[in-house]
């Protein structure tokens, strides 16, 4: 019994030390991984910022095309509605 009272605490201390060392190693590795991820995110952000000018040009071009098509559709709609309104007015006059 006295032997177990001596051996068990020693084993617990040894396992505790091993666990502490493993946790320290895992902590250091996780810090290294986070630094790599931070570097990768900075690189991606730099590349995205370099494309902002291109996206601005594309946005302005699509806005201009949308404005032109809206005007064309509006003019076509007005022309068609005038044609049909003339037909209705002539029908009203004949009646």
PDB file of N, CA and C in Angstrom:
ATOM      1  N   UNK A   1       0.822  -1.193   0.000  1.00  0.00           N
ATOM      2  CA  UNK A   1       0.000   0.000   0.000  1.00  0.00           C
ATOM      3  C   UNK A   1       0.866   1.257   0.000  1.00  0.00           C
ATOM      4  N   UNK A   2       1.950   1.161   0.764  1.00  0.00           N
ATOM      5  CA  UNK A   2       2.847   2.293   0.812  1.00  0.00           C
ATOM      6  C   UNK A   2       3.519   2.516  -0.531  1.00  0.00           C
ATOM      7  N   UNK A   3       3.738   1.425  -1.255  1.00  0.00           N
ATOM      8  CA  UNK A   3       4.335   1.513  -2.576  1.00  0.00           C
ATOM      9  C   UNK A   3       3.422   2.276  -3.528  1.00  0.00           C
ATOM     10  N   UNK A   4       2.098   2.000  -3.483  1.00  0.00           N
ATOM     11  CA  UNK A   4       1.131   2.697  -4.340  1.00  0.00           C
ATOM     12  C   UNK A   4       1.037   4.171  -3.976  1.00  0.00           C
ATOM     13  N   UNK A   5       1.131   4.495  -2.702  1.00  0.00           N
ATOM     14  CA  UNK A   5       1.106   5.898  -2.279  1.00  0.00           C
ATOM     15  C   UNK A   5       2.305   6.668  -2.808  1.00  0.00           C
ATOM     16  N   UNK A   6       3.370   5.980  -3.100  1.00  0.00           N
ATOM     17  CA  UNK A   6       4.558   6.639  -3.630  1.00  0.00           C
ATOM     18  C   UNK A   6       4.542   6.679  -5.166  1.00  0.00           C
ATOM     19  N   UNK A   7       4.129   5.592  -5.796  1.00  0.00           N
ATOM     20  CA  UNK A   7       4.208   5.457  -7.259  1.00  0.00           C
ATOM     21  C   UNK A   7       3.117   6.269  -7.959  1.00  0.00           C
ATOM     22  N   UNK A   8       1.897   6.242  -7.470  1.00  0.00           N
ATOM     23  CA  UNK A   8       0.794   6.909  -8.159  1.00  0.00           C
ATOM     24  C   UNK A   8       0.987   8.421  -8.276  1.00  0.00           C
ATOM     25  N   UNK A   9       1.393   9.125  -7.240  1.00  0.00           N
ATOM     26  CA  UNK A   9       1.650  10.561  -7.428  1.00  0.00           C
ATOM     27  C   UNK A   9       2.779  10.835  -8.419  1.00  0.00           C
ATOM     28  N   UNK A  10       3.802   9.987  -8.415  1.00  0.00           N
ATOM     29  CA  UNK A  10       4.908  10.170  -9.359  1.00  0.00           C
ATOM     30  C   UNK A  10       4.410   9.992 -10.785  1.00  0.00           C
ATOM     31  N   UNK A  11       3.582   8.961 -11.010  1.00  0.00           N
ATOM     32  CA  UNK A  11       3.016   8.739 -12.344  1.00  0.00           C
ATOM     33  C   UNK A  11       2.114   9.900 -12.762  1.00  0.00           C
ATOM     34  N   UNK A  12       1.322  10.399 -11.822  1.00  0.00           N
ATOM     35  CA  UNK A  12       0.462  11.543 -12.144  1.00  0.00           C
ATOM     36  C   UNK A  12       1.286  12.777 -12.490  1.00  0.00           C
ATOM     37  N   UNK A  13       2.380  13.019 -11.785  1.00  0.00           N
ATOM     38  CA  UNK A  13       3.239  14.161 -12.098  1.00  0.00           C
ATOM     39  C   UNK A  13       3.886  13.992 -13.471  1.00  0.00           C
ATOM     40  N   UNK A  14       4.333  12.778 -13.784  1.00  0.00           N
ATOM     41  CA  UNK A  14       4.961  12.522 -15.083  1.00  0.00           C
ATOM     42  C   UNK A  14       3.954  12.747 -16.214  1.00  0.00           C
ATOM     43  N   UNK A  15       2.745  12.195 -16.060  1.00  0.00           N
ATOM     44  CA  UNK A  15       1.716  12.388 -17.087  1.00  0.00           C
ATOM     45  C   UNK A  15       1.301  13.858 -17.190  1.00  0.00           C
ATOM     46  N   UNK A  16       1.286  14.549 -16.095  1.00  0.00           N
ATOM     47  CA  UNK A  16       0.969  15.978 -16.113  1.00  0.00           C
ATOM     48  C   UNK A  16       2.022  16.780 -16.861  1.00  0.00           C
ATOM     49  N   UNK A  17       3.284  16.431 -16.633  1.00  0.00           N
ATOM     50  CA  UNK A  17       4.371  17.121 -17.330  1.00  0.00           C
ATOM     51  C   UNK A  17       4.303  16.840 -18.827  1.00  0.00           C
ATOM     52  N   UNK A  18       4.056  15.588 -19.193  1.00  0.00           N
ATOM     53  CA  UNK A  18       3.935  15.225 -20.615  1.00  0.00           C
ATOM     54  C   UNK A  18       2.766  15.969 -21.254  1.00  0.00           C
ATOM     55  N   UNK A  19       1.646  16.023 -20.565  1.00  0.00           N
ATOM     56  CA  UNK A  19       0.478  16.735 -21.090  1.00  0.00           C
ATOM     57  C   UNK A  19       0.759  18.218 -21.250  1.00  0.00           C
ATOM     58  N   UNK A  20       1.449  18.807 -20.296  1.00  0.00           N
ATOM     59  CA  UNK A  20       1.808  20.221 -20.375  1.00  0.00           C
ATOM     60  C   UNK A  20       2.725  20.490 -21.576  1.00  0.00           C
ATOM     61  N   UNK A  21       3.699  19.615 -21.802  1.00  0.00           N
ATOM     62  CA  UNK A  21       4.607  19.769 -22.943  1.00  0.00           C
ATOM     63  C   UNK A  21       3.845  19.649 -24.261  1.00  0.00           C
ATOM     64  N   UNK A  22       2.941  18.681 -24.350  1.00  0.00           N
ATOM     65  CA  UNK A  22       2.149  18.501 -25.572  1.00  0.00           C
ATOM     66  C   UNK A  22       1.269  19.728 -25.819  1.00  0.00           C
ATOM     67  N   UNK A  23       0.655  20.268 -24.782  1.00  0.00           N
ATOM     68  CA  UNK A  23      -0.185  21.456 -24.953  1.00  0.00           C
ATOM     69  C   UNK A  23       0.636  22.673 -25.369  1.00  0.00           C
ATOM     70  N   UNK A  24       1.850  22.806 -24.859  1.00  0.00           N
ATOM     71  CA  UNK A  24       2.721  23.914 -25.263  1.00  0.00           C
ATOM     72  C   UNK A  24       3.080  23.789 -26.739  1.00  0.00           C
ATOM     73  N   UNK A  25       3.415  22.575 -27.177  1.00  0.00           N
ATOM     74  CA  UNK A  25       3.754  22.345 -28.591  1.00  0.00           C
ATOM     75  C   UNK A  25       2.549  22.646 -29.481  1.00  0.00           C
ATOM     76  N   UNK A  26       1.371  22.195 -29.078  1.00  0.00           N
ATOM     77  CA  UNK A  26       0.163  22.476 -29.872  1.00  0.00           C
ATOM     78  C   UNK A  26      -0.135  23.972 -29.917  1.00  0.00           C
ATOM     79  N   UNK A  27       0.099  24.667 -28.820  1.00  0.00           N
ATOM     80  CA  UNK A  27      -0.110  26.116 -28.799  1.00  0.00           C
ATOM     81  C   UNK A  27       0.839  26.837 -29.741  1.00  0.00           C
ATOM     82  N   UNK A  28       2.097  26.433 -29.751  1.00  0.00           N
ATOM     83  CA  UNK A  28       3.081  27.051 -30.638  1.00  0.00           C
ATOM     84  C   UNK A  28       2.723  26.784 -32.097  1.00  0.00           C
ATOM     85  N   UNK A  29       2.330  25.568 -32.401  1.00  0.00           N
ATOM     86  CA  UNK A  29       1.934  25.239 -33.782  1.00  0.00           C
ATOM     87  C   UNK A  29       0.693  26.014 -34.207  1.00  0.00           C
ATOM     88  N   UNK A  30      -0.262  26.173 -33.313  1.00  0.00           N
ATOM     89  CA  UNK A  30      -1.465  26.923 -33.676  1.00  0.00           C
ATOM     90  C   UNK A  30      -1.141  28.399 -33.918  1.00  0.00           C
ATOM     91  N   UNK A  31      -0.205  28.947 -33.160  1.00  0.00           N
ATOM     92  CA  UNK A  31       0.218  30.334 -33.395  1.00  0.00           C
ATOM     93  C   UNK A  31       0.885  30.456 -34.756  1.00  0.00           C
ATOM     94  N   UNK A  32       1.713  29.485 -35.139  1.00  0.00           N
ATOM     95  CA  UNK A  32       2.350  29.499 -36.453  1.00  0.00           C
ATOM     96  C   UNK A  32       1.309  29.403 -37.572  1.00  0.00           C
ATOM     97  N   UNK A  33       0.315  28.566 -37.395  1.00  0.00           N
ATOM     98  CA  UNK A  33      -0.742  28.426 -38.402  1.00  0.00           C
ATOM     99  C   UNK A  33      -1.526  29.724 -38.525  1.00  0.00           C
ATOM    100  N   UNK A  34      -1.823  30.367 -37.407  1.00  0.00           N
ATOM    101  CA  UNK A  34      -2.545  31.641 -37.453  1.00  0.00           C
ATOM    102  C   UNK A  34      -1.729  32.731 -38.140  1.00  0.00           C
ATOM    103  N   UNK A  35      -0.413  32.726 -37.960  1.00  0.00           N
ATOM    104  CA  UNK A  35       0.431  33.700 -38.654  1.00  0.00           C
ATOM    105  C   UNK A  35       0.413  33.455 -40.161  1.00  0.00           C
ATOM    106  N   UNK A  36       0.430  32.204 -40.579  1.00  0.00           N
ATOM    107  CA  UNK A  36       0.347  31.880 -42.008  1.00  0.00           C
ATOM    108  C   UNK A  36      -0.991  32.315 -42.587  1.00  0.00           C
ATOM    109  N   UNK A  37      -2.063  32.075 -41.846  1.00  0.00           N
ATOM    110  CA  UNK A  37      -3.392  32.475 -42.313  1.00  0.00           C
ATOM    111  C   UNK A  37      -3.481  33.992 -42.411  1.00  0.00           C
ATOM    112  N   UNK A  38      -2.919  34.698 -41.447  1.00  0.00           N
ATOM    113  CA  UNK A  38      -2.924  36.162 -41.480  1.00  0.00           C
ATOM    114  C   UNK A  38      -2.169  36.677 -42.704  1.00  0.00           C
ATOM    115  N   UNK A  39      -1.036  36.074 -43.009  1.00  0.00           N
ATOM    116  CA  UNK A  39      -0.263  36.458 -44.197  1.00  0.00           C
ATOM    117  C   UNK A  39      -1.066  36.181 -45.465  1.00  0.00           C
ATOM    118  N   UNK A  40      -1.742  35.046 -45.515  1.00  0.00           N
ATOM    119  CA  UNK A  40      -2.555  34.691 -46.682  1.00  0.00           C
ATOM    120  C   UNK A  40      -3.713  35.665 -46.865  1.00  0.00           C
ATOM    121  N   UNK A  41      -4.367  36.042 -45.775  1.00  0.00           N
ATOM    122  CA  UNK A  41      -5.478  36.994 -45.855  1.00  0.00           C
ATOM    123  C   UNK A  41      -4.986  38.360 -46.322  1.00  0.00           C
ATOM    124  N   UNK A  42      -3.823  38.791 -45.841  1.00  0.00           N
ATOM    125  CA  UNK A  42      -3.260  40.067 -46.297  1.00  0.00           C
ATOM    126  C   UNK A  42      -2.952  40.027 -47.792  1.00  0.00           C
ATOM    127  N   UNK A  43      -2.430  38.906 -48.270  1.00  0.00           N
ATOM    128  CA  UNK A  43      -2.116  38.755 -49.690  1.00  0.00           C
ATOM    129  C   UNK A  43      -3.385  38.788 -50.533  1.00  0.00           C
ATOM    130  N   UNK A  44      -4.420  38.104 -50.095  1.00  0.00           N
ATOM    131  CA  UNK A  44      -5.694  38.098 -50.817  1.00  0.00           C
ATOM    132  C   UNK A  44      -6.304  39.495 -50.825  1.00  0.00           C
ATOM    133  N   UNK A  45      -6.234  40.196 -49.709  1.00  0.00           N
ATOM    134  CA  UNK A  45      -6.775  41.554 -49.634  1.00  0.00           C
ATOM    135  C   UNK A  45      -6.034  42.485 -50.590  1.00  0.00           C
ATOM    136  N   UNK A  46      -4.724  42.335 -50.687  1.00  0.00           N
ATOM    137  CA  UNK A  46      -3.936  43.153 -51.615  1.00  0.00           C
ATOM    138  C   UNK A  46      -4.354  42.879 -53.065  1.00  0.00           C
ATOM    139  N   UNK A  47      -4.555  41.612 -53.405  1.00  0.00           N
ATOM    140  CA  UNK A  47      -4.953  41.257 -54.771  1.00  0.00           C
ATOM    141  C   UNK A  47      -6.355  41.761 -55.095  1.00  0.00           C
ATOM    142  N   UNK A  48      -7.249  41.696 -54.139  1.00  0.00           N
ATOM    143  CA  UNK A  48      -8.614  42.188 -54.361  1.00  0.00           C
ATOM    144  C   UNK A  48      -8.601  43.697 -54.553  1.00  0.00           C
ATOM    145  N   UNK A  49      -7.808  44.408 -53.759  1.00  0.00           N
ATOM    146  CA  UNK A  49      -7.725  45.865 -53.892  1.00  0.00           C
ATOM    147  C   UNK A  49      -7.137  46.273 -55.238  1.00  0.00           C
ATOM    148  N   UNK A  50      -6.270  45.441 -55.806  1.00  0.00           N
ATOM    149  CA  UNK A  50      -5.708  45.767 -57.116  1.00  0.00           C
ATOM    150  C   UNK A  50      -6.757  45.627 -58.213  1.00  0.00           C
ATOM    151  N   UNK A  51      -7.820  44.865 -57.978  1.00  0.00           N
ATOM    152  CA  UNK A  51      -8.877  44.680 -58.975  1.00  0.00           C
ATOM    153  C   UNK A  51     -10.028  45.664 -58.819  1.00  0.00           C
ATOM    154  N   UNK A  52      -9.992  46.525 -57.805  1.00  0.00           N
ATOM    155  CA  UNK A  52     -11.093  47.464 -57.574  1.00  0.00           C
ATOM    156  C   UNK A  52     -11.310  48.389 -58.765  1.00  0.00           C
ATOM    157  N   UNK A  53     -10.242  48.829 -59.426  1.00  0.00           N
ATOM    158  CA  UNK A  53     -10.377  49.697 -60.594  1.00  0.00           C
ATOM    159  C   UNK A  53     -11.133  49.006 -61.727  1.00  0.00           C
ATOM    160  N   UNK A  54     -10.824  47.745 -61.943  1.00  0.00           N
ATOM    161  CA  UNK A  54     -11.513  46.978 -62.983  1.00  0.00           C
ATOM    162  C   UNK A  54     -12.997  46.838 -62.656  1.00  0.00           C
ATOM    163  N   UNK A  55     -13.293  46.547 -61.403  1.00  0.00           N
ATOM    164  CA  UNK A  55     -14.696  46.407 -61.010  1.00  0.00           C
ATOM    165  C   UNK A  55     -15.443  47.732 -61.140  1.00  0.00           C
ATOM    166  N   UNK A  56     -14.775  48.834 -60.879  1.00  0.00           N
ATOM    167  CA  UNK A  56     -15.406  50.149 -61.029  1.00  0.00           C
ATOM    168  C   UNK A  56     -15.738  50.415 -62.487  1.00  0.00           C
ATOM    169  N   UNK A  57     -14.809  50.081 -63.384  1.00  0.00           N
ATOM    170  CA  UNK A  57     -15.058  50.267 -64.819  1.00  0.00           C
ATOM    171  C   UNK A  57     -16.220  49.402 -65.281  1.00  0.00           C
ATOM    172  N   UNK A  58     -16.260  48.161 -64.852  1.00  0.00           N
ATOM    173  CA  UNK A  58     -17.358  47.262 -65.232  1.00  0.00           C
ATOM    174  C   UNK A  58     -18.677  47.791 -64.689  1.00  0.00           C
ATOM    175  N   UNK A  59     -18.687  48.291 -63.463  1.00  0.00           N
ATOM    176  CA  UNK A  59     -19.909  48.820 -62.865  1.00  0.00           C
ATOM    177  C   UNK A  59     -20.423  50.027 -63.640  1.00  0.00           C
ATOM    178  N   UNK A  60     -19.537  50.934 -63.994  1.00  0.00           N
ATOM    179  CA  UNK A  60     -19.962  52.122 -64.753  1.00  0.00           C
ATOM    180  C   UNK A  60     -20.477  51.735 -66.136  1.00  0.00           C
ATOM    181  N   UNK A  61     -19.826  50.762 -66.765  1.00  0.00           N
ATOM    182  CA  UNK A  61     -20.259  50.317 -68.089  1.00  0.00           C
ATOM    183  C   UNK A  61     -21.658  49.701 -68.029  1.00  0.00           C
ATOM    184  N   UNK A  62     -21.890  48.856 -67.048  1.00  0.00           N
ATOM    185  CA  UNK A  62     -23.217  48.238 -66.939  1.00  0.00           C
ATOM    186  C   UNK A  62     -24.279  49.274 -66.592  1.00  0.00           C
ATOM    187  N   UNK A  63     -23.929  50.261 -65.771  1.00  0.00           N
ATOM    188  CA  UNK A  63     -24.893  51.330 -65.468  1.00  0.00           C
ATOM    189  C   UNK A  63     -25.250  52.117 -66.725  1.00  0.00           C
ATOM    190  N   UNK A  64     -24.250  52.416 -67.554  1.00  0.00           N
ATOM    191  CA  UNK A  64     -24.507  53.131 -68.805  1.00  0.00           C
ATOM    192  C   UNK A  64     -25.372  52.325 -69.760  1.00  0.00           C
ATOM    193  N   UNK A  65     -25.081  51.034 -69.883  1.00  0.00           N
ATOM    194  CA  UNK A  65     -25.888  50.177 -70.753  1.00  0.00           C
ATOM    195  C   UNK A  65     -27.320  50.059 -70.233  1.00  0.00           C
ATOM    196  N   UNK A  66     -27.475  49.974 -68.930  1.00  0.00           N
ATOM    197  CA  UNK A  66     -28.817  49.898 -68.356  1.00  0.00           C
ATOM    198  C   UNK A  66     -29.593  51.178 -68.638  1.00  0.00           C
ATOM    199  N   UNK A  67     -28.941  52.326 -68.547  1.00  0.00           N
ATOM    200  CA  UNK A  67     -29.598  53.599 -68.831  1.00  0.00           C
ATOM    201  C   UNK A  67     -30.040  53.664 -70.294  1.00  0.00           C
ATOM    202  N   UNK A  68     -29.153  53.244 -71.209  1.00  0.00           N
ATOM    203  CA  UNK A  68     -29.496  53.260 -72.636  1.00  0.00           C
ATOM    204  C   UNK A  68     -30.657  52.317 -72.926  1.00  0.00           C
ATOM    205  N   UNK A  69     -30.639  51.116 -72.380  1.00  0.00           N
ATOM    206  CA  UNK A  69     -31.732  50.173 -72.643  1.00  0.00           C
ATOM    207  C   UNK A  69     -33.025  50.652 -72.010  1.00  0.00           C
ATOM    208  N   UNK A  70     -32.955  51.282 -70.843  1.00  0.00           N
ATOM    209  CA  UNK A  70     -34.176  51.822 -70.222  1.00  0.00           C
ATOM    210  C   UNK A  70     -34.797  52.898 -71.094  1.00  0.00           C
ATOM    211  N   UNK A  71     -33.971  53.766 -71.654  1.00  0.00           N
ATOM    212  CA  UNK A  71     -34.499  54.814 -72.534  1.00  0.00           C
ATOM    213  C   UNK A  71     -35.107  54.207 -73.794  1.00  0.00           C
ATOM    214  N   UNK A  72     -34.434  53.200 -74.358  1.00  0.00           N
ATOM    215  CA  UNK A  72     -34.944  52.553 -75.568  1.00  0.00           C
ATOM    216  C   UNK A  72     -36.280  51.861 -75.294  1.00  0.00           C
ATOM    217  N   UNK A  73     -36.352  51.151 -74.188  1.00  0.00           N
ATOM    218  CA  UNK A  73     -37.595  50.457 -73.837  1.00  0.00           C
ATOM    219  C   UNK A  73     -38.697  51.471 -73.551  1.00  0.00           C
ATOM    220  N   UNK A  74     -38.366  52.560 -72.894  1.00  0.00           N
ATOM    221  CA  UNK A  74     -39.365  53.594 -72.616  1.00  0.00           C
ATOM    222  C   UNK A  74     -39.888  54.216 -73.894  1.00  0.00           C
ATOM    223  N   UNK A  75     -38.992  54.515 -74.850  1.00  0.00           N
ATOM    224  CA  UNK A  75     -39.421  55.099 -76.118  1.00  0.00           C
ATOM    225  C   UNK A  75     -40.281  54.111 -76.895  1.00  0.00           C
ATOM    226  N   UNK A  76     -39.882  52.848 -76.918  1.00  0.00           N
ATOM    227  CA  UNK A  76     -40.660  51.835 -77.634  1.00  0.00           C
ATOM    228  C   UNK A  76     -42.031  51.654 -76.986  1.00  0.00           C
ATOM    229  N   UNK A  77     -42.084  51.668 -75.679  1.00  0.00           N
ATOM    230  CA  UNK A  77     -43.360  51.521 -74.980  1.00  0.00           C
ATOM    231  C   UNK A  77     -44.271  52.708 -75.273  1.00  0.00           C
ATOM    232  N   UNK A  78     -43.723  53.908 -75.260  1.00  0.00           N
ATOM    233  CA  UNK A  78     -44.532  55.093 -75.572  1.00  0.00           C
ATOM    234  C   UNK A  78     -45.050  55.045 -77.003  1.00  0.00           C
ATOM    235  N   UNK A  79     -44.203  54.619 -77.947  1.00  0.00           N
ATOM    236  CA  UNK A  79     -44.634  54.539 -79.346  1.00  0.00           C
ATOM    237  C   UNK A  79     -45.753  53.525 -79.508  1.00  0.00           C
ATOM    238  N   UNK A  80     -45.613  52.386 -78.889  1.00  0.00           N
ATOM    239  CA  UNK A  80     -46.644  51.346 -79.000  1.00  0.00           C
ATOM    240  C   UNK A  80     -47.931  51.801 -78.326  1.00  0.00           C
ATOM    241  N   UNK A  81     -47.815  52.445 -77.172  1.00  0.00           N
ATOM    242  CA  UNK A  81     -49.027  52.899 -76.487  1.00  0.00           C
ATOM    243  C   UNK A  81     -49.727  53.995 -77.289  1.00  0.00           C
ATOM    244  N   UNK A  82     -48.986  54.848 -77.981  1.00  0.00           N
ATOM    245  CA  UNK A  82     -49.610  55.874 -78.823  1.00  0.00           C
ATOM    246  C   UNK A  82     -50.346  55.245 -79.991  1.00  0.00           C
ATOM    247  N   UNK A  83     -49.769  54.209 -80.563  1.00  0.00           N
ATOM    248  CA  UNK A  83     -50.432  53.524 -81.686  1.00  0.00           C
ATOM    249  C   UNK A  83     -51.757  52.938 -81.223  1.00  0.00           C
ATOM    250  N   UNK A  84     -51.764  52.268 -80.077  1.00  0.00           N
ATOM    251  CA  UNK A  84     -53.001  51.655 -79.594  1.00  0.00           C
ATOM    252  C   UNK A  84     -53.999  52.695 -79.115  1.00  0.00           C
ATOM    253  N   UNK A  85     -53.535  53.822 -78.588  1.00  0.00           N
ATOM    254  CA  UNK A  85     -54.453  54.876 -78.161  1.00  0.00           C
ATOM    255  C   UNK A  85     -55.133  55.520 -79.361  1.00  0.00           C
ATOM    256  N   UNK A  86     -54.417  55.649 -80.483  1.00  0.00           N
ATOM    257  CA  UNK A  86     -55.023  56.198 -81.698  1.00  0.00           C
ATOM    258  C   UNK A  86     -56.146  55.295 -82.185  1.00  0.00           C
ATOM    259  N   UNK A  87     -55.913  54.002 -82.127  1.00  0.00           N
ATOM    260  CA  UNK A  87     -56.950  53.060 -82.557  1.00  0.00           C
ATOM    261  C   UNK A  87     -58.170  53.145 -81.671  1.00  0.00           C
ATOM    262  N   UNK A  88     -58.000  53.318 -80.378  1.00  0.00           N
ATOM    263  CA  UNK A  88     -59.133  53.426 -79.459  1.00  0.00           C
ATOM    264  C   UNK A  88     -59.885  54.735 -79.665  1.00  0.00           C
ATOM    265  N   UNK A  89     -59.159  55.823 -79.941  1.00  0.00           N
ATOM    266  CA  UNK A  89     -59.815  57.112 -80.162  1.00  0.00           C
ATOM    267  C   UNK A  89     -60.649  57.072 -81.437  1.00  0.00           C
ATOM    268  N   UNK A  90     -60.132  56.445 -82.476  1.00  0.00           N
ATOM    269  CA  UNK A  90     -60.904  56.330 -83.708  1.00  0.00           C
ATOM    270  C   UNK A  90     -62.146  55.477 -83.500  1.00  0.00           C
ATOM    271  N   UNK A  91     -62.052  54.405 -82.679  1.00  0.00           N
ATOM    272  CA  UNK A  91     -63.222  53.595 -82.387  1.00  0.00           C
ATOM    273  C   UNK A  91     -64.260  54.385 -81.607  1.00  0.00           C
ATOM    274  N   UNK A  92     -63.796  55.209 -80.649  1.00  0.00           N
ATOM    275  CA  UNK A  92     -64.715  56.040 -79.868  1.00  0.00           C
ATOM    276  C   UNK A  92     -65.411  57.081 -80.742  1.00  0.00           C
ATOM    277  N   UNK A  93     -64.682  57.644 -81.702  1.00  0.00           N
ATOM    278  CA  UNK A  93     -65.257  58.662 -82.603  1.00  0.00           C
ATOM    279  C   UNK A  93     -66.277  58.030 -83.534  1.00  0.00           C
ATOM    280  N   UNK A  94     -66.031  56.839 -84.049  1.00  0.00           N
ATOM    281  CA  UNK A  94     -66.951  56.153 -84.958  1.00  0.00           C
ATOM    282  C   UNK A  94     -68.237  55.745 -84.269  1.00  0.00           C
ATOM    283  N   UNK A  95     -68.175  55.475 -83.003  1.00  0.00           N
ATOM    284  CA  UNK A  95     -69.385  55.031 -82.292  1.00  0.00           C
ATOM    285  C   UNK A  95     -70.249  56.226 -82.055  1.00  0.00           C
TER     286      UNK A  95
END
